[in-house]
Amino acid sequence: MQEIYAPDAVIWHNDDLLEQPVEDNLKTLRGLHRVVSGLHYEIVRRVPAPDGVLQQHILRGRLPDGSDVALHAAMYLQVRDGHITRIEEYLDSGQRAAIKAARDALTS
């Protein structure tokens, strides 16, 4: 995964308004895979932009309690020289909260 990012890439989410460096984002993604089984992205639409791509998707999977999760999101991916330099992700914070609660339950 790290190879698709530029070394100085940043990832921003609408629910915390923070810019996350690549290493932190990779930790987040690893944690997501530990909590959500059958994790996959359903691409709803992808539209080229002058300096990247706009994408709408649904992240789907199953939480440890057996409940399904469907996290709706839209993102802008800025790309330079074949690497992602910036991601701005707009997501359903309610569904993200359910995933975070499941992750916290596993670590406590």
Protein backbone atom coordinates (compact mmCIF):
# COMPACT_ATOMS: atom_id res chain seq x y z
CA MET A 1 0.00 0.00 0.00
CA GLN A 2 2.77 2.40 0.93
CA GLU A 3 4.09 2.35 -2.63
CA ILE A 4 1.02 4.15 -4.00
CA TYR A 5 1.66 7.17 -1.75
CA ALA A 6 4.17 9.95 -2.29
CA PRO A 7 6.46 10.06 0.79
CA ASP A 8 5.00 13.41 1.90
CA ALA A 9 1.35 12.56 1.15
CA VAL A 10 -1.37 13.60 3.59
CA ILE A 11 -4.81 12.13 4.20
CA TRP A 12 -7.61 14.33 5.52
CA HIS A 13 -11.02 13.18 6.84
CA ASN A 14 -14.07 15.37 7.28
CA ASP A 15 -14.93 14.02 10.73
CA ASP A 16 -11.71 15.01 12.51
CA LEU A 17 -10.37 17.73 10.17
CA LEU A 18 -6.80 16.52 10.69
CA GLU A 19 -4.16 15.84 8.06
CA GLN A 20 -2.78 12.38 8.63
CA PRO A 21 0.71 11.40 7.39
CA VAL A 22 1.13 8.22 5.36
CA GLU A 23 2.48 6.10 8.23
CA ASP A 24 -0.49 6.96 10.46
CA ASN A 25 -2.89 6.21 7.63
CA LEU A 26 -1.30 2.81 7.07
CA LYS A 27 -1.72 2.03 10.79
CA THR A 28 -5.38 3.05 10.51
CA LEU A 29 -5.87 0.76 7.52
CA ARG A 30 -4.17 -2.17 9.29
CA GLY A 31 -6.47 -1.64 12.28
CA LEU A 32 -9.48 -1.52 9.99
CA HIS A 33 -8.56 -4.90 8.51
CA ARG A 34 -8.25 -6.39 12.00
CA VAL A 35 -11.76 -5.24 12.94
CA VAL A 36 -13.74 -5.60 9.72
CA SER A 37 -13.78 -9.04 8.11
CA GLY A 38 -14.49 -9.42 4.42
CA LEU A 39 -13.45 -5.81 3.93
CA HIS A 40 -13.96 -4.58 0.38
CA TYR A 41 -14.68 -1.38 -1.50
CA GLU A 42 -17.69 -1.10 -3.79
CA ILE A 43 -16.85 1.67 -6.26
CA VAL A 44 -19.99 3.64 -7.06
CA ARG A 45 -18.35 6.17 -9.38
CA ARG A 46 -14.90 7.37 -10.35
CA VAL A 47 -14.38 10.59 -12.30
CA PRO A 48 -11.05 11.88 -13.61
CA ALA A 49 -9.99 15.33 -12.38
CA PRO A 50 -7.22 17.51 -13.85
CA ASP A 51 -4.78 16.51 -11.08
CA GLY A 52 -6.26 13.26 -9.82
CA VAL A 53 -9.59 11.51 -9.44
CA LEU A 54 -12.88 11.87 -7.60
CA GLN A 55 -14.33 8.65 -6.24
CA GLN A 56 -17.52 7.62 -4.47
CA HIS A 57 -17.48 4.23 -2.77
CA ILE A 58 -18.97 2.07 -0.05
CA LEU A 59 -16.63 0.23 2.29
CA ARG A 60 -18.36 -3.01 3.20
CA GLY A 61 -17.59 -5.76 5.65
CA ARG A 62 -18.64 -7.41 8.90
CA LEU A 63 -17.90 -6.33 12.46
CA PRO A 64 -16.86 -8.84 15.15
CA ASP A 65 -20.44 -8.89 16.55
CA GLY A 66 -21.67 -10.15 13.16
CA SER A 67 -23.27 -6.90 12.06
CA ASP A 68 -22.67 -5.64 8.56
CA VAL A 69 -21.05 -2.28 7.99
CA ALA A 70 -21.54 -0.06 4.95
CA LEU A 71 -19.47 3.11 5.18
CA HIS A 72 -20.43 5.53 2.40
CA ALA A 73 -17.64 7.87 1.36
CA ALA A 74 -16.48 10.23 -1.35
CA MET A 75 -12.87 11.16 -1.85
CA TYR A 76 -10.65 13.35 -3.89
CA LEU A 77 -7.27 11.81 -4.65
CA GLN A 78 -4.58 14.18 -5.87
CA VAL A 79 -1.97 12.36 -7.94
CA ARG A 80 1.46 13.46 -9.12
CA ASP A 81 4.02 11.31 -10.94
CA GLY A 82 1.88 8.21 -10.42
CA HIS A 83 1.66 8.60 -6.61
CA ILE A 84 -1.09 9.88 -4.35
CA THR A 85 -0.03 13.19 -2.80
CA ARG A 86 -3.26 14.05 -0.98
CA ILE A 87 -6.56 12.40 -0.12
CA GLU A 88 -9.59 14.32 1.09
CA GLU A 89 -12.15 11.82 2.32
CA TYR A 90 -15.72 12.70 3.18
CA LEU A 91 -17.43 9.86 5.02
CA ASP A 92 -20.45 8.88 7.07
CA SER A 93 -19.17 9.57 10.58
CA GLY A 94 -21.94 7.46 12.15
CA GLN A 95 -20.71 4.31 10.44
CA ARG A 96 -17.10 5.25 11.19
CA ALA A 97 -18.07 5.53 14.86
CA ALA A 98 -19.44 1.96 14.78
CA ILE A 99 -16.14 0.69 13.36
CA LYS A 100 -14.14 2.65 15.95
CA ALA A 101 -16.29 1.26 18.80
CA ALA A 102 -15.66 -2.28 17.54
CA ARG A 103 -11.91 -1.59 17.32
CA ASP A 104 -11.87 -0.15 20.84
CA ALA A 105 -13.76 -3.20 22.16
CA LEU A 106 -11.12 -5.51 20.69
CA THR A 107 -8.25 -3.61 22.30
CA SER A 108 -9.76 -3.27 25.76
